PDB file of all heavy atoms in Angstrom:
ATOM      1  N   VAL A   1      -4.917  -9.890   0.379  1.00  0.00           N
ATOM      2  CA  VAL A   1      -5.881  -8.785   0.466  1.00  0.00           C
ATOM      3  C   VAL A   1      -5.345  -7.684   1.370  1.00  0.00           C
ATOM      4  O   VAL A   1      -5.474  -6.488   1.058  1.00  0.00           O
ATOM      5  CB  VAL A   1      -7.246  -9.286   0.961  1.00  0.00           C
ATOM      6  CG1 VAL A   1      -8.173  -8.114   1.306  1.00  0.00           C
ATOM      7  CG2 VAL A   1      -7.897 -10.181  -0.083  1.00  0.00           C
ATOM      8  N   ASN A   2      -4.731  -8.047   2.485  1.00  0.00           N
ATOM      9  CA  ASN A   2      -4.182  -7.032   3.385  1.00  0.00           C
ATOM     10  C   ASN A   2      -3.064  -6.242   2.720  1.00  0.00           C
ATOM     11  O   ASN A   2      -2.963  -5.021   2.897  1.00  0.00           O
ATOM     12  CB  ASN A   2      -3.677  -7.682   4.671  1.00  0.00           C
ATOM     13  CG  ASN A   2      -4.806  -8.059   5.616  1.00  0.00           C
ATOM     14  OD1 ASN A   2      -5.841  -7.409   5.657  1.00  0.00           O
ATOM     15  ND2 ASN A   2      -4.605  -9.123   6.379  1.00  0.00           N
ATOM     16  N   VAL A   3      -2.215  -6.918   1.969  1.00  0.00           N
ATOM     17  CA  VAL A   3      -1.164  -6.208   1.244  1.00  0.00           C
ATOM     18  C   VAL A   3      -1.777  -5.227   0.247  1.00  0.00           C
ATOM     19  O   VAL A   3      -1.327  -4.079   0.112  1.00  0.00           O
ATOM     20  CB  VAL A   3      -0.220  -7.215   0.544  1.00  0.00           C
ATOM     21  CG1 VAL A   3       0.667  -6.502  -0.474  1.00  0.00           C
ATOM     22  CG2 VAL A   3       0.648  -7.923   1.576  1.00  0.00           C
ATOM     23  N   THR A   4      -2.812  -5.668  -0.453  1.00  0.00           N
ATOM     24  CA  THR A   4      -3.527  -4.768  -1.357  1.00  0.00           C
ATOM     25  C   THR A   4      -4.040  -3.542  -0.598  1.00  0.00           C
ATOM     26  O   THR A   4      -3.902  -2.400  -1.058  1.00  0.00           O
ATOM     27  CB  THR A   4      -4.705  -5.515  -2.014  1.00  0.00           C
ATOM     28  OG1 THR A   4      -4.204  -6.601  -2.794  1.00  0.00           O
ATOM     29  CG2 THR A   4      -5.515  -4.584  -2.901  1.00  0.00           C
ATOM     30  N   HIS A   5      -4.626  -3.784   0.559  1.00  0.00           N
ATOM     31  CA  HIS A   5      -5.164  -2.696   1.379  1.00  0.00           C
ATOM     32  C   HIS A   5      -4.068  -1.732   1.796  1.00  0.00           C
ATOM     33  O   HIS A   5      -4.238  -0.499   1.703  1.00  0.00           O
ATOM     34  CB  HIS A   5      -5.841  -3.310   2.616  1.00  0.00           C
ATOM     35  CG  HIS A   5      -6.368  -2.313   3.591  1.00  0.00           C
ATOM     36  ND1 HIS A   5      -7.508  -1.570   3.365  1.00  0.00           N
ATOM     37  CD2 HIS A   5      -5.898  -1.918   4.812  1.00  0.00           C
ATOM     38  CE1 HIS A   5      -7.737  -0.781   4.400  1.00  0.00           C
ATOM     39  NE2 HIS A   5      -6.780  -0.968   5.288  1.00  0.00           N
ATOM     40  N   TRP A   6      -2.931  -2.252   2.251  1.00  0.00           N
ATOM     41  CA  TRP A   6      -1.854  -1.382   2.718  1.00  0.00           C
ATOM     42  C   TRP A   6      -1.224  -0.587   1.582  1.00  0.00           C
ATOM     43  O   TRP A   6      -0.851   0.570   1.763  1.00  0.00           O
ATOM     44  CB  TRP A   6      -0.807  -2.217   3.450  1.00  0.00           C
ATOM     45  CG  TRP A   6      -1.329  -2.778   4.745  1.00  0.00           C
ATOM     46  CD1 TRP A   6      -2.181  -2.162   5.622  1.00  0.00           C
ATOM     47  CD2 TRP A   6      -1.042  -4.071   5.306  1.00  0.00           C
ATOM     48  NE1 TRP A   6      -2.438  -2.988   6.695  1.00  0.00           N
ATOM     49  CE2 TRP A   6      -1.774  -4.161   6.534  1.00  0.00           C
ATOM     50  CE3 TRP A   6      -0.266  -5.151   4.908  1.00  0.00           C
ATOM     51  CZ2 TRP A   6      -1.709  -5.303   7.338  1.00  0.00           C
ATOM     52  CZ3 TRP A   6      -0.206  -6.276   5.711  1.00  0.00           C
ATOM     53  CH2 TRP A   6      -0.930  -6.349   6.920  1.00  0.00           C
ATOM     54  N   VAL A   7      -1.104  -1.203   0.417  1.00  0.00           N
ATOM     55  CA  VAL A   7      -0.588  -0.457  -0.737  1.00  0.00           C
ATOM     56  C   VAL A   7      -1.580   0.629  -1.129  1.00  0.00           C
ATOM     57  O   VAL A   7      -1.217   1.787  -1.375  1.00  0.00           O
ATOM     58  CB  VAL A   7      -0.329  -1.407  -1.926  1.00  0.00           C
ATOM     59  CG1 VAL A   7       0.008  -0.596  -3.185  1.00  0.00           C
ATOM     60  CG2 VAL A   7       0.801  -2.374  -1.607  1.00  0.00           C
ATOM     61  N   ASP A   8      -2.840   0.279  -1.177  1.00  0.00           N
ATOM     62  CA  ASP A   8      -3.881   1.222  -1.586  1.00  0.00           C
ATOM     63  C   ASP A   8      -3.980   2.391  -0.619  1.00  0.00           C
ATOM     64  O   ASP A   8      -4.216   3.535  -1.030  1.00  0.00           O
ATOM     65  CB  ASP A   8      -5.224   0.478  -1.664  1.00  0.00           C
ATOM     66  CG  ASP A   8      -6.335   1.335  -2.238  1.00  0.00           C
ATOM     67  OD1 ASP A   8      -6.143   1.921  -3.324  1.00  0.00           O
ATOM     68  OD2 ASP A   8      -7.408   1.423  -1.606  1.00  0.00           O
ATOM     69  N   ARG A   9      -3.787   2.121   0.673  1.00  0.00           N
ATOM     70  CA  ARG A   9      -3.920   3.154   1.697  1.00  0.00           C
ATOM     71  C   ARG A   9      -2.640   3.958   1.903  1.00  0.00           C
ATOM     72  O   ARG A   9      -2.639   4.950   2.626  1.00  0.00           O
ATOM     73  CB  ARG A   9      -4.307   2.507   3.038  1.00  0.00           C
ATOM     74  CG  ARG A   9      -5.665   1.854   3.059  1.00  0.00           C
ATOM     75  CD  ARG A   9      -6.764   2.861   3.323  1.00  0.00           C
ATOM     76  NE  ARG A   9      -6.585   3.481   4.621  1.00  0.00           N
ATOM     77  CZ  ARG A   9      -6.756   4.788   4.859  1.00  0.00           C
ATOM     78  NH1 ARG A   9      -7.076   5.592   3.876  1.00  0.00           N
ATOM     79  NH2 ARG A   9      -6.596   5.276   6.076  1.00  0.00           N
ATOM     80  N   GLY A  10      -1.531   3.532   1.278  1.00  0.00           N
ATOM     81  CA  GLY A  10      -0.269   4.236   1.501  1.00  0.00           C
ATOM     82  C   GLY A  10       0.264   4.040   2.905  1.00  0.00           C
ATOM     83  O   GLY A  10       0.917   4.924   3.467  1.00  0.00           O
ATOM     84  N   THR A  11       0.003   2.865   3.485  1.00  0.00           N
ATOM     85  CA  THR A  11       0.378   2.597   4.870  1.00  0.00           C
ATOM     86  C   THR A  11       1.890   2.584   5.052  1.00  0.00           C
ATOM     87  O   THR A  11       2.399   3.012   6.101  1.00  0.00           O
ATOM     88  CB  THR A  11      -0.215   1.255   5.329  1.00  0.00           C
ATOM     89  OG1 THR A  11      -1.635   1.296   5.160  1.00  0.00           O
ATOM     90  CG2 THR A  11       0.109   0.965   6.777  1.00  0.00           C
ATOM     91  N   VAL A  12       2.612   2.059   4.061  1.00  0.00           N
ATOM     92  CA  VAL A  12       4.073   1.991   4.139  1.00  0.00           C
ATOM     93  C   VAL A  12       4.671   2.495   2.832  1.00  0.00           C
ATOM     94  O   VAL A  12       3.975   2.605   1.812  1.00  0.00           O
ATOM     95  CB  VAL A  12       4.552   0.536   4.403  1.00  0.00           C
ATOM     96  CG1 VAL A  12       4.100   0.053   5.766  1.00  0.00           C
ATOM     97  CG2 VAL A  12       4.060  -0.406   3.311  1.00  0.00           C
ATOM     98  N   ARG A  13       5.971   2.746   2.873  1.00  0.00           N
ATOM     99  CA  ARG A  13       6.655   3.271   1.688  1.00  0.00           C
ATOM    100  C   ARG A  13       7.719   2.327   1.139  1.00  0.00           C
ATOM    101  O   ARG A  13       8.158   2.483   0.003  1.00  0.00           O
ATOM    102  CB  ARG A  13       7.319   4.624   2.021  1.00  0.00           C
ATOM    103  CG  ARG A  13       6.340   5.734   2.339  1.00  0.00           C
ATOM    104  CD  ARG A  13       5.397   5.995   1.194  1.00  0.00           C
ATOM    105  NE  ARG A  13       4.493   7.105   1.472  1.00  0.00           N
ATOM    106  CZ  ARG A  13       3.372   7.324   0.796  1.00  0.00           C
ATOM    107  NH1 ARG A  13       3.011   6.503  -0.165  1.00  0.00           N
ATOM    108  NH2 ARG A  13       2.605   8.350   1.087  1.00  0.00           N
ATOM    109  N   THR A  14       8.158   1.361   1.945  1.00  0.00           N
ATOM    110  CA  THR A  14       9.240   0.490   1.495  1.00  0.00           C
ATOM    111  C   THR A  14       8.797  -0.966   1.502  1.00  0.00           C
ATOM    112  O   THR A  14       7.901  -1.355   2.261  1.00  0.00           O
ATOM    113  CB  THR A  14      10.479   0.631   2.394  1.00  0.00           C
ATOM    114  OG1 THR A  14      10.205   0.053   3.676  1.00  0.00           O
ATOM    115  CG2 THR A  14      10.868   2.093   2.559  1.00  0.00           C
ATOM    116  N   ALA A  15       9.465  -1.760   0.684  1.00  0.00           N
ATOM    117  CA  ALA A  15       9.163  -3.188   0.629  1.00  0.00           C
ATOM    118  C   ALA A  15       9.479  -3.857   1.957  1.00  0.00           C
ATOM    119  O   ALA A  15       8.766  -4.772   2.390  1.00  0.00           O
ATOM    120  CB  ALA A  15       9.961  -3.845  -0.496  1.00  0.00           C
ATOM    121  N   GLY A  16      10.530  -3.397   2.635  1.00  0.00           N
ATOM    122  CA  GLY A  16      10.880  -3.982   3.921  1.00  0.00           C
ATOM    123  C   GLY A  16       9.791  -3.774   4.957  1.00  0.00           C
ATOM    124  O   GLY A  16       9.452  -4.685   5.720  1.00  0.00           O
ATOM    125  N   GLU A  17       9.228  -2.572   4.985  1.00  0.00           N
ATOM    126  CA  GLU A  17       8.125  -2.308   5.911  1.00  0.00           C
ATOM    127  C   GLU A  17       6.919  -3.170   5.581  1.00  0.00           C
ATOM    128  O   GLU A  17       6.254  -3.709   6.480  1.00  0.00           O
ATOM    129  CB  GLU A  17       7.726  -0.832   5.830  1.00  0.00           C
ATOM    130  CG  GLU A  17       8.689   0.145   6.460  1.00  0.00           C
ATOM    131  CD  GLU A  17       8.170   1.564   6.329  1.00  0.00           C
ATOM    132  OE1 GLU A  17       8.028   2.050   5.189  1.00  0.00           O
ATOM    133  OE2 GLU A  17       7.880   2.186   7.365  1.00  0.00           O
ATOM    134  N   LEU A  18       6.624  -3.303   4.298  1.00  0.00           N
ATOM    135  CA  LEU A  18       5.461  -4.090   3.895  1.00  0.00           C
ATOM    136  C   LEU A  18       5.646  -5.555   4.261  1.00  0.00           C
ATOM    137  O   LEU A  18       4.697  -6.210   4.717  1.00  0.00           O
ATOM    138  CB  LEU A  18       5.231  -3.933   2.389  1.00  0.00           C
ATOM    139  CG  LEU A  18       3.939  -4.556   1.822  1.00  0.00           C
ATOM    140  CD1 LEU A  18       2.714  -4.070   2.577  1.00  0.00           C
ATOM    141  CD2 LEU A  18       3.817  -4.244   0.333  1.00  0.00           C
ATOM    142  N   ARG A  19       6.858  -6.075   4.119  1.00  0.00           N
ATOM    143  CA  ARG A  19       7.105  -7.468   4.494  1.00  0.00           C
ATOM    144  C   ARG A  19       6.979  -7.652   6.009  1.00  0.00           C
ATOM    145  O   ARG A  19       6.558  -8.717   6.469  1.00  0.00           O
ATOM    146  CB  ARG A  19       8.475  -7.912   4.000  1.00  0.00           C
ATOM    147  CG  ARG A  19       8.538  -8.098   2.483  1.00  0.00           C
ATOM    148  CD  ARG A  19       9.795  -8.847   2.039  1.00  0.00           C
ATOM    149  NE  ARG A  19       9.725  -9.166   0.625  1.00  0.00           N
ATOM    150  CZ  ARG A  19      10.262  -8.424  -0.350  1.00  0.00           C
ATOM    151  NH1 ARG A  19      10.911  -7.299  -0.021  1.00  0.00           N
ATOM    152  NH2 ARG A  19      10.142  -8.780  -1.611  1.00  0.00           N
ATOM    153  N   ARG A  20       7.332  -6.635   6.764  1.00  0.00           N
ATOM    154  CA  ARG A  20       7.143  -6.727   8.218  1.00  0.00           C
ATOM    155  C   ARG A  20       5.652  -6.826   8.548  1.00  0.00           C
ATOM    156  O   ARG A  20       5.241  -7.605   9.416  1.00  0.00           O
ATOM    157  CB  ARG A  20       7.754  -5.516   8.902  1.00  0.00           C
ATOM    158  CG  ARG A  20       7.680  -5.609  10.427  1.00  0.00           C
ATOM    159  CD  ARG A  20       8.216  -4.375  11.102  1.00  0.00           C
ATOM    160  NE  ARG A  20       7.972  -4.423  12.545  1.00  0.00           N
ATOM    161  CZ  ARG A  20       7.955  -3.365  13.329  1.00  0.00           C
ATOM    162  NH1 ARG A  20       8.187  -2.162  12.826  1.00  0.00           N
ATOM    163  NH2 ARG A  20       7.719  -3.493  14.617  1.00  0.00           N
ATOM    164  N   LEU A  21       4.839  -6.058   7.853  1.00  0.00           N
ATOM    165  CA  LEU A  21       3.398  -6.127   8.065  1.00  0.00           C
ATOM    166  C   LEU A  21       2.847  -7.496   7.660  1.00  0.00           C
ATOM    167  O   LEU A  21       1.940  -8.024   8.307  1.00  0.00           O
ATOM    168  CB  LEU A  21       2.687  -5.032   7.270  1.00  0.00           C
ATOM    169  CG  LEU A  21       2.394  -3.723   8.011  1.00  0.00           C
ATOM    170  CD1 LEU A  21       3.668  -3.090   8.555  1.00  0.00           C
ATOM    171  CD2 LEU A  21       1.680  -2.737   7.080  1.00  0.00           C
ATOM    172  N   THR A  22       3.406  -8.075   6.593  1.00  0.00           N
ATOM    173  CA  THR A  22       2.890  -9.374   6.143  1.00  0.00           C
ATOM    174  C   THR A  22       3.174 -10.485   7.151  1.00  0.00           C
ATOM    175  O   THR A  22       2.433 -11.470   7.209  1.00  0.00           O
ATOM    176  CB  THR A  22       3.471  -9.778   4.774  1.00  0.00           C
ATOM    177  OG1 THR A  22       4.885  -9.972   4.876  1.00  0.00           O
ATOM    178  CG2 THR A  22       3.170  -8.738   3.715  1.00  0.00           C
ATOM    179  N   GLU A  23       4.238 -10.330   7.956  1.00  0.00           N
ATOM    180  CA  GLU A  23       4.514 -11.345   8.976  1.00  0.00           C
ATOM    181  C   GLU A  23       3.359 -11.408   9.977  1.00  0.00           C
ATOM    182  O   GLU A  23       2.868 -12.495  10.328  1.00  0.00           O
ATOM    183  CB  GLU A  23       5.821 -11.027   9.703  1.00  0.00           C
ATOM    184  CG  GLU A  23       6.207 -12.072  10.734  1.00  0.00           C
ATOM    185  CD  GLU A  23       7.500 -11.743  11.467  1.00  0.00           C
ATOM    186  OE1 GLU A  23       8.066 -10.652  11.231  1.00  0.00           O
ATOM    187  OE2 GLU A  23       7.938 -12.571  12.301  1.00  0.00           O
ATOM    188  N   ALA A  24       2.906 -10.250  10.431  1.00  0.00           N
ATOM    189  CA  ALA A  24       1.757 -10.211  11.331  1.00  0.00           C
ATOM    190  C   ALA A  24       0.493 -10.628  10.591  1.00  0.00           C
ATOM    191  O   ALA A  24      -0.387 -11.302  11.149  1.00  0.00           O
ATOM    192  CB  ALA A  24       1.588  -8.823  11.921  1.00  0.00           C
TER     193      ALA A  24
END
């Protein structure tokens, strides 16, 4: 759900950044 939220909100632009967020 958080990944969905971050994609929807445009929080990050790269897969690497998104994976860093998923660790937290």
